[in-house]
Amino acid sequence: MTEGFNNRRHHRTDSLNLSYFNVDENDQIVDQGMGRTLNISQSGILLETTTELSTGQLMDMEMAMHDQLIAARGTVIHCQPLGDGQFQVGIEFTAIKDKDLAILKDFI
């Protein structure tokens, strides 16, 4: 997500919380956590968390949209320290089921 703010591919909507699982190349969970989503689009999510995440880290995520949970897989594109032990993490979606994408589009 090296695109500038005005060059975004999709509209971003403010969002609240999500849980995530860091997985390795064998789909084994290596860590888990929770974060606060700062915004979300069809192509990715901006997350605030207390855990520093590595660029390229593969993530499985669950997000509440309206009254439904959706799941997505993504890759950490950037992680920037915010101070006070907080990090801002940009994640690009790499896989999301059609039904979950439809819920996400409706939410946005």
Protein backbone atom coordinates (compact mmCIF):
# COMPACT_ATOMS: atom_id res chain seq x y z
CA MET A 1 0.00 0.00 0.00
CA THR A 2 2.52 2.53 -1.14
CA GLU A 3 -0.18 4.55 -2.81
CA GLY A 4 -0.81 8.06 -1.55
CA PHE A 5 -3.95 8.95 0.35
CA ASN A 6 -5.68 10.30 -2.75
CA ASN A 7 -4.67 7.32 -4.89
CA ARG A 8 -6.48 4.63 -2.89
CA ARG A 9 -8.12 1.90 -4.96
CA HIS A 10 -11.12 1.60 -2.61
CA HIS A 11 -13.09 3.82 -0.26
CA ARG A 12 -12.09 3.42 3.41
CA THR A 13 -14.59 3.23 6.26
CA ASP A 14 -13.86 3.71 9.95
CA SER A 15 -14.15 0.46 11.83
CA LEU A 16 -13.73 -0.71 15.43
CA ASN A 17 -12.11 -4.03 16.41
CA LEU A 18 -10.74 -7.26 15.05
CA SER A 19 -8.87 -10.31 16.20
CA TYR A 20 -5.95 -11.67 14.26
CA PHE A 21 -3.73 -14.71 14.06
CA ASN A 22 -0.21 -14.61 12.66
CA VAL A 23 0.45 -17.76 10.67
CA ASP A 24 3.55 -19.27 9.13
CA GLU A 25 4.00 -20.65 5.62
CA ASN A 26 2.47 -23.98 6.79
CA ASP A 27 -0.70 -22.23 8.07
CA GLN A 28 0.32 -22.88 11.68
CA ILE A 29 -0.65 -20.16 14.18
CA VAL A 30 2.50 -18.59 15.62
CA ASP A 31 0.88 -15.70 17.53
CA GLN A 32 -2.51 -14.14 18.13
CA GLY A 33 -3.77 -10.79 19.25
CA MET A 34 -6.42 -8.11 19.05
CA GLY A 35 -6.31 -4.72 17.52
CA ARG A 36 -8.39 -1.67 16.84
CA THR A 37 -9.11 -1.06 13.20
CA LEU A 38 -8.62 2.53 12.20
CA ASN A 39 -10.16 2.06 8.76
CA ILE A 40 -11.02 -0.68 6.29
CA SER A 41 -11.52 -1.00 2.55
CA GLN A 42 -12.14 -3.80 0.06
CA SER A 43 -8.39 -4.23 -0.33
CA GLY A 44 -7.06 -3.86 3.20
CA ILE A 45 -7.19 -2.63 6.75
CA LEU A 46 -5.30 -0.16 8.93
CA LEU A 47 -4.86 -1.58 12.41
CA GLU A 48 -3.64 -0.19 15.73
CA THR A 49 -2.09 -2.81 17.98
CA THR A 50 0.33 -3.18 20.90
CA THR A 51 2.33 -5.78 18.97
CA GLU A 52 4.96 -4.85 16.40
CA LEU A 53 4.31 -6.91 13.29
CA SER A 54 6.86 -7.71 10.59
CA THR A 55 6.41 -6.59 7.01
CA GLY A 56 5.40 -9.63 4.96
CA GLN A 57 3.83 -11.39 7.98
CA LEU A 58 0.83 -13.49 6.95
CA MET A 59 -2.31 -12.82 9.00
CA ASP A 60 -5.70 -14.46 9.37
CA MET A 61 -8.27 -12.00 10.69
CA GLU A 62 -11.85 -12.03 11.97
CA MET A 63 -13.83 -8.81 11.89
CA ALA A 64 -17.33 -7.90 13.05
CA MET A 65 -19.40 -6.24 10.33
CA HIS A 66 -22.89 -5.34 11.47
CA ASP A 67 -24.11 -8.55 13.16
CA GLN A 68 -21.84 -10.89 11.20
CA LEU A 69 -18.25 -12.06 11.47
CA ILE A 70 -16.13 -12.15 8.35
CA ALA A 71 -12.74 -13.73 7.83
CA ALA A 72 -9.88 -12.58 5.63
CA ARG A 73 -6.24 -13.37 5.09
CA GLY A 74 -3.74 -10.57 4.55
CA THR A 75 -0.11 -9.57 4.49
CA VAL A 76 1.49 -6.84 6.60
CA ILE A 77 2.57 -4.07 4.23
CA HIS A 78 3.92 -1.64 6.83
CA CYS A 79 4.21 -1.23 10.60
CA GLN A 80 4.95 2.14 12.19
CA PRO A 81 5.45 2.92 15.88
CA LEU A 82 2.96 5.42 17.29
CA GLY A 83 4.55 5.79 20.72
CA ASP A 84 3.32 4.49 24.09
CA GLY A 85 3.82 0.92 22.87
CA GLN A 86 1.30 1.24 20.03
CA PHE A 87 1.87 0.40 16.35
CA GLN A 88 -0.06 1.31 13.22
CA VAL A 89 -0.15 -1.65 10.83
CA GLY A 90 -1.26 -1.62 7.20
CA ILE A 91 -2.51 -5.00 5.99
CA GLU A 92 -3.41 -5.84 2.40
CA PHE A 93 -6.04 -8.53 1.94
CA THR A 94 -4.80 -11.51 -0.06
CA ALA A 95 -7.82 -13.81 0.34
CA ILE A 96 -11.43 -13.25 1.31
CA LYS A 97 -14.44 -15.42 0.47
CA ASP A 98 -17.04 -13.94 -1.87
CA LYS A 99 -19.75 -13.99 0.82
CA ASP A 100 -17.46 -12.18 3.27
CA LEU A 101 -16.46 -9.65 0.63
CA ALA A 102 -20.14 -8.96 -0.05
CA ILE A 103 -20.70 -8.27 3.68
CA LEU A 104 -17.63 -6.02 3.72
CA LYS A 105 -18.83 -4.07 0.66
CA ASP A 106 -22.22 -3.61 2.31
CA PHE A 107 -20.54 -2.36 5.49
CA ILE A 108 -18.41 0.16 3.58
